[in-house]
Amino acid sequence: GGAPGLERGRAGAASRGPGSSCPLPTGAEEPGMEAEAQELPLGCGGGGSSPAAGRSPEGEERREPPQASVSNGGDEDSGRELVELKVIWNKNKYDVKFCLDSTGAELKQKIHSLTGLPPAMQKVMFKGLLPEEKTLREIKVTNGAKIMVVGSTINDVLAVNTPKEAAQQEVKAEENKKEPLCRQKQHRKVLDKGKPDDVMPSVKGVQERLPTVPLSGMYNKSGGKVRLTFKLEQDQLWIGTKERTEKLPMGSIKNVVSEPIEGHEDYHMMAFQLGPTEASYYWVYWVPTQYVDAIKDTVLGKWQYF
């Protein structure tokens, strides 16, 4: 019974043609092996999933995966199970037919042939990072599955330049840092009103404790009069205007920033951050310099002045 089996095995191999991506495992010419191979149509050479593949010499097995990886169609009638994939890389989409029993490593070789992206530089994603050693069947890849590829070719890496917009934004941020706050348009319209008539006197080069009376004679962002009262026993800062008084828990104030007013360095402009972003800053102008550190320390809780 050996010879007829051998003939059938050879005929089967011939019918698949030299371009097949999933050649019969060597060793299929042994008596009875051909039947075994037919029962396992899913083995795709080099996957190691069929017992027959295990019998092929090591060197031959290594040569087979590239054949599987470069095949792109032509196998529809050969009885092997192919899966249609959408490979997406760098805004490019590739429609690929690939053997379901090929491994992630073989898929990387295929992606290399499509994109020029070396396997070592590929990050292949399908429901997380694609495992190289598992087959597409094992990780449940189905028809129409999207395979995302992240990575840059060596040429891309060498050609990387800072995008223009990002560079411009950085320059702008630097300029803003250099430009004193008091020169910025939003603050100028208040400061241009000049020093309030009833502003508290300032003492240069001295740090004083908070006075027992409210700090008054200052402007807020809209140019209205504002006073600050530090209620230490209640751990609150009261910000009072003509219309109303805001009672803020000290712990709710995220930050305090201040900067001397140009030309009037004995007074500061100061902001209390009441929310998560800079948009929540409450600005107060003409704060006497001797109280600036005490205000920061009291509000931010470094120590209390009782």
Protein backbone atom coordinates (compact mmCIF):
# COMPACT_ATOMS: atom_id res chain seq x y z
CA GLY A 1 0.00 0.00 0.00
CA GLY A 2 3.09 2.32 0.25
CA ALA A 3 3.53 3.13 -3.43
CA PRO A 4 -0.04 4.28 -4.25
CA GLY A 5 0.07 6.54 -1.17
CA LEU A 6 3.35 7.97 -2.39
CA GLU A 7 1.91 8.69 -5.86
CA ARG A 8 -1.14 10.38 -4.40
CA GLY A 9 1.09 12.46 -2.13
CA ARG A 10 3.18 13.65 -5.07
CA ALA A 11 0.11 14.38 -7.17
CA GLY A 12 -1.35 16.41 -4.31
CA ALA A 13 1.84 18.43 -4.00
CA ALA A 14 1.94 19.06 -7.74
CA SER A 15 -1.68 20.23 -7.85
CA ARG A 16 -0.92 22.93 -5.30
CA GLY A 17 1.74 24.44 -7.55
CA PRO A 18 5.05 25.96 -6.56
CA GLY A 19 3.53 29.28 -5.44
CA SER A 20 1.45 27.82 -2.61
CA SER A 21 2.01 29.56 0.68
CA CYS A 22 1.23 26.45 2.68
CA PRO A 23 3.12 23.53 1.12
CA LEU A 24 2.50 20.00 2.28
CA PRO A 25 4.74 19.17 5.22
CA THR A 26 7.72 17.11 4.11
CA GLY A 27 7.27 13.62 5.29
CA ALA A 28 3.70 13.49 3.91
CA GLU A 29 4.88 10.86 1.43
CA GLU A 30 5.09 8.30 4.25
CA PRO A 31 2.27 5.73 4.01
CA GLY A 32 -0.88 7.04 5.59
CA MET A 33 0.52 10.54 6.18
CA GLU A 34 -1.44 12.03 3.30
CA ALA A 35 -4.70 11.16 4.99
CA GLU A 36 -3.46 12.78 8.18
CA ALA A 37 -2.53 15.96 6.32
CA GLN A 38 -5.97 16.10 4.71
CA GLU A 39 -7.63 15.90 8.08
CA LEU A 40 -5.56 18.95 9.16
CA PRO A 41 -6.18 21.50 6.39
CA LEU A 42 -5.37 24.32 8.81
CA GLY A 43 -1.63 23.63 9.15
CA CYS A 44 0.22 26.33 7.26
CA GLY A 45 3.81 25.28 7.15
CA GLY A 46 6.03 26.42 9.99
CA GLY A 47 3.12 26.92 12.38
CA GLY A 48 4.11 23.71 14.12
CA SER A 49 0.42 22.98 14.65
CA SER A 50 0.20 19.69 12.73
CA PRO A 51 2.00 16.53 13.84
CA ALA A 52 3.41 16.23 10.33
CA ALA A 53 5.14 19.60 10.58
CA GLY A 54 7.05 18.38 13.59
CA ARG A 55 8.70 15.69 11.48
CA SER A 56 10.14 18.06 8.88
CA PRO A 57 13.84 18.94 9.23
CA GLU A 58 14.50 22.09 11.16
CA GLY A 59 16.11 23.97 8.32
CA GLU A 60 13.20 23.30 6.00
CA GLU A 61 10.73 24.50 8.57
CA ARG A 62 12.61 27.77 8.86
CA ARG A 63 12.41 28.33 5.12
CA GLU A 64 8.65 27.91 5.02
CA PRO A 65 7.36 30.92 7.05
CA PRO A 66 8.54 33.54 4.53
CA GLN A 67 6.54 31.70 1.84
CA ALA A 68 3.46 31.89 4.05
CA SER A 69 4.07 35.53 4.84
CA VAL A 70 4.39 36.82 1.29
CA SER A 71 1.40 34.94 -0.08
CA ASN A 72 -1.45 37.29 -0.84
CA GLY A 73 -4.25 35.35 -2.46
CA GLY A 74 -4.32 32.51 -4.94
CA ASP A 75 -5.01 30.00 -2.15
CA GLU A 76 -8.79 30.36 -2.07
CA ASP A 77 -9.36 26.93 -3.56
CA SER A 78 -6.60 25.07 -1.80
CA GLY A 79 -8.71 24.29 1.28
CA ARG A 80 -6.60 26.32 3.71
CA GLU A 81 -8.33 28.83 5.91
CA LEU A 82 -7.43 32.42 5.10
CA VAL A 83 -8.58 35.46 6.98
CA GLU A 84 -9.03 38.94 5.51
CA LEU A 85 -7.29 41.64 7.55
CA LYS A 86 -7.15 45.43 7.39
CA VAL A 87 -3.63 46.46 8.32
CA ILE A 88 -3.46 50.15 9.27
CA TRP A 89 -0.11 51.93 9.53
CA ASN A 90 0.75 55.60 9.31
CA LYS A 91 -2.67 56.54 7.83
CA ASN A 92 -2.21 53.83 5.15
CA LYS A 93 -4.60 50.89 4.91
CA TYR A 94 -3.65 47.51 3.43
CA ASP A 95 -6.15 44.71 2.68
CA VAL A 96 -4.35 41.45 3.33
CA LYS A 97 -5.39 37.78 3.09
CA PHE A 98 -3.40 35.75 5.54
CA CYS A 99 -3.27 32.18 6.76
CA LEU A 100 -5.17 31.79 10.03
CA ASP A 101 -2.58 29.37 11.41
CA SER A 102 0.38 31.66 10.79
CA THR A 103 1.99 33.25 13.83
CA GLY A 104 2.24 36.87 14.88
CA ALA A 105 5.95 36.80 13.92
CA GLU A 106 5.02 35.73 10.37
CA LEU A 107 2.43 38.50 10.19
CA LYS A 108 5.19 40.95 11.11
CA GLN A 109 7.22 39.66 8.15
CA LYS A 110 4.21 40.28 5.91
CA ILE A 111 3.82 43.80 7.29
CA HIS A 112 7.51 44.36 6.60
CA SER A 113 7.00 43.40 2.94
CA LEU A 114 4.06 45.85 2.69
CA THR A 115 5.44 48.84 4.59
CA GLY A 116 9.22 48.47 4.74
CA LEU A 117 8.93 48.68 8.52
CA PRO A 118 11.38 46.18 10.09
CA PRO A 119 9.67 43.65 12.43
CA ALA A 120 11.83 44.82 15.35
CA MET A 121 10.43 48.34 14.97
CA GLN A 122 6.79 47.25 14.70
CA LYS A 123 4.29 47.44 17.50
CA VAL A 124 1.36 45.37 16.19
CA MET A 125 -1.95 45.79 18.02
CA PHE A 126 -5.00 43.52 18.00
CA LYS A 127 -6.94 43.67 21.28
CA GLY A 128 -3.65 44.64 22.88
CA LEU A 129 -0.12 43.82 21.76
CA LEU A 130 -0.08 40.96 19.23
CA PRO A 131 1.88 37.97 20.65
CA GLU A 132 4.56 36.82 18.17
CA GLU A 133 4.50 33.16 19.15
CA LYS A 134 0.72 32.59 18.92
CA THR A 135 -1.23 31.93 15.73
CA LEU A 136 -3.93 34.28 14.50
CA ARG A 137 -6.47 31.52 15.21
CA GLU A 138 -5.34 31.27 18.84
CA ILE A 139 -5.85 34.98 19.44
CA LYS A 140 -9.26 34.77 17.70
CA VAL A 141 -8.57 36.98 14.70
CA THR A 142 -11.67 36.99 12.47
CA ASN A 143 -12.46 38.19 8.95
CA GLY A 144 -12.31 41.96 8.56
CA ALA A 145 -10.23 42.38 11.75
CA LYS A 146 -8.31 45.65 12.04
CA ILE A 147 -4.62 45.26 12.81
CA MET A 148 -3.03 48.51 13.96
CA VAL A 149 0.70 48.95 13.40
CA VAL A 150 2.75 51.59 15.20
CA GLY A 151 6.36 52.30 14.29
CA SER A 152 8.69 54.44 12.19
CA THR A 153 11.06 53.37 9.48
CA ILE A 154 14.70 54.27 10.00
CA ASN A 155 14.38 57.02 7.35
CA ASP A 156 11.42 58.51 9.23
CA VAL A 157 13.38 58.51 12.47
CA LEU A 158 16.33 60.25 10.81
CA ALA A 159 14.07 62.81 9.15
CA VAL A 160 12.19 63.79 12.30
CA ASN A 161 11.87 67.55 12.72
CA THR A 162 9.86 69.42 15.29
CA PRO A 163 6.54 70.21 13.60
CA LYS A 164 6.26 73.90 12.77
CA GLU A 165 3.17 74.53 14.87
CA ALA A 166 4.61 72.90 17.98
CA ALA A 167 7.79 74.94 17.57
CA GLN A 168 5.80 78.15 17.23
CA GLN A 169 3.80 77.33 20.34
CA GLU A 170 7.00 76.73 22.28
CA VAL A 171 8.38 80.10 21.15
CA LYS A 172 5.12 81.78 22.14
CA ALA A 173 5.19 80.14 25.56
CA GLU A 174 8.78 81.30 26.04
CA GLU A 175 7.84 84.85 25.08
CA ASN A 176 4.95 84.79 27.53
CA LYS A 177 7.29 83.64 30.24
CA LYS A 178 9.70 86.48 29.51
CA GLU A 179 6.98 89.10 29.23
CA PRO A 180 6.09 90.34 32.71
CA LEU A 181 2.47 89.73 33.67
CA CYS A 182 1.92 93.43 34.19
CA ARG A 183 2.60 94.05 30.48
CA GLN A 184 -0.03 91.57 29.34
CA LYS A 185 -3.11 93.16 27.86
CA GLN A 186 -5.62 91.73 30.36
CA HIS A 187 -3.68 93.25 33.28
CA ARG A 188 -2.73 96.51 31.57
CA LYS A 189 -6.33 97.74 31.46
CA VAL A 190 -6.52 97.59 35.28
CA LEU A 191 -2.99 98.84 35.98
CA ASP A 192 -3.40 101.76 33.58
CA LYS A 193 -6.02 103.17 35.99
CA GLY A 194 -3.06 103.92 38.22
CA LYS A 195 -2.55 103.37 41.94
CA PRO A 196 -5.81 103.48 43.99
CA ASP A 197 -6.18 106.59 46.17
CA ASP A 198 -6.78 104.56 49.33
CA VAL A 199 -4.05 101.97 48.70
CA MET A 200 -2.31 100.70 51.86
CA PRO A 201 1.25 101.97 52.35
CA SER A 202 4.03 99.58 51.35
CA VAL A 203 7.36 98.92 53.04
CA LYS A 204 10.16 97.71 50.76
CA GLY A 205 12.58 94.98 51.80
CA VAL A 206 10.55 93.92 54.84
CA GLN A 207 8.39 90.87 55.40
CA GLU A 208 5.56 91.44 57.83
CA ARG A 209 2.92 89.24 59.38
CA LEU A 210 -0.60 89.69 58.16
CA PRO A 211 -2.26 92.72 59.74
CA THR A 212 -5.22 92.14 62.03
CA VAL A 213 -7.33 94.40 59.81
CA PRO A 214 -8.42 93.47 56.26
CA LEU A 215 -6.06 94.34 53.40
CA SER A 216 -7.96 97.00 51.43
CA GLY A 217 -7.54 99.63 48.72
CA MET A 218 -6.83 97.09 45.95
CA TYR A 219 -8.43 96.42 42.55
CA ASN A 220 -9.73 93.17 41.10
CA LYS A 221 -9.65 92.15 37.42
CA SER A 222 -12.70 94.21 36.50
CA GLY A 223 -11.18 97.29 38.14
CA GLY A 224 -13.53 97.19 41.12
CA LYS A 225 -12.34 97.74 44.70
CA VAL A 226 -11.49 94.56 46.63
CA ARG A 227 -10.36 93.74 50.16
CA LEU A 228 -8.87 90.55 51.60
CA THR A 229 -9.73 89.35 55.11
CA PHE A 230 -7.86 86.38 56.59
CA LYS A 231 -10.13 84.51 59.01
CA LEU A 232 -7.49 82.24 60.50
CA GLU A 233 -9.72 80.72 63.19
CA GLN A 234 -12.13 79.57 60.43
CA ASP A 235 -9.30 78.77 57.99
CA GLN A 236 -10.99 81.00 55.41
CA LEU A 237 -10.03 83.81 53.06
CA TRP A 238 -12.79 86.37 52.52
CA ILE A 239 -12.64 88.26 49.23
CA GLY A 240 -14.92 91.27 49.58
CA THR A 241 -16.19 93.66 46.90
CA LYS A 242 -18.84 96.35 47.06
CA GLU A 243 -21.40 93.81 45.84
CA ARG A 244 -20.58 90.70 47.92
CA THR A 245 -18.09 88.76 50.01
CA GLU A 246 -16.78 85.35 48.89
CA LYS A 247 -15.81 83.11 51.82
CA LEU A 248 -13.24 80.61 50.55
CA PRO A 249 -11.77 77.73 52.59
CA MET A 250 -7.98 78.09 52.47
CA GLY A 251 -7.71 74.44 51.43
CA SER A 252 -9.73 75.09 48.27
CA ILE A 253 -7.15 77.55 46.93
CA LYS A 254 -4.77 75.54 44.71
CA ASN A 255 -2.01 78.11 44.30
CA VAL A 256 -1.00 81.72 44.83
CA VAL A 257 1.13 83.59 42.28
CA SER A 258 2.48 87.12 42.47
CA GLU A 259 4.73 89.50 40.58
CA PRO A 260 5.96 93.03 41.31
CA ILE A 261 4.24 95.76 39.28
CA GLU A 262 6.73 97.34 36.88
CA GLY A 263 7.64 100.85 37.94
CA HIS A 264 5.94 100.27 41.33
CA GLU A 265 7.96 97.31 42.64
CA ASP A 266 6.82 97.95 46.21
CA TYR A 267 3.39 96.63 45.15
CA HIS A 268 2.49 93.28 43.66
CA MET A 269 -0.26 91.87 41.50
CA MET A 270 -1.41 88.58 42.99
CA ALA A 271 -3.68 85.72 41.89
CA PHE A 272 -5.49 83.02 43.87
CA GLN A 273 -6.14 79.85 41.88
CA LEU A 274 -9.68 78.76 42.76
CA GLY A 275 -10.05 75.90 40.24
CA PRO A 276 -7.99 73.44 38.20
CA THR A 277 -6.79 75.82 35.44
CA GLU A 278 -5.33 79.30 35.02
CA ALA A 279 -8.75 80.52 33.91
CA SER A 280 -9.83 80.25 37.55
CA TYR A 281 -7.26 82.77 38.82
CA TYR A 282 -8.75 85.59 40.91
CA TRP A 283 -6.48 88.60 40.36
CA VAL A 284 -5.84 91.31 42.94
CA TYR A 285 -3.73 94.38 42.11
CA TRP A 286 -1.67 96.68 44.34
CA VAL A 287 -0.89 94.27 47.19
CA PRO A 288 1.76 95.86 49.49
CA THR A 289 5.01 93.92 49.04
CA GLN A 290 5.62 93.37 52.78
CA TYR A 291 2.54 91.10 53.03
CA VAL A 292 3.12 88.96 49.91
CA ASP A 293 5.05 86.13 51.60
CA ALA A 294 2.73 86.05 54.60
CA ILE A 295 -0.30 85.75 52.30
CA LYS A 296 1.28 82.87 50.36
CA ASP A 297 2.34 81.04 53.50
CA THR A 298 -1.03 81.48 55.19
CA VAL A 299 -3.15 80.43 52.21
CA LEU A 300 -0.96 77.51 51.16
CA GLY A 301 -0.72 76.35 54.78
CA LYS A 302 3.01 76.44 55.36
CA TRP A 303 2.40 77.76 58.82
CA GLN A 304 -0.38 79.65 60.53
CA TYR A 305 -0.18 83.14 61.98
CA PHE A 306 -2.25 83.10 65.15
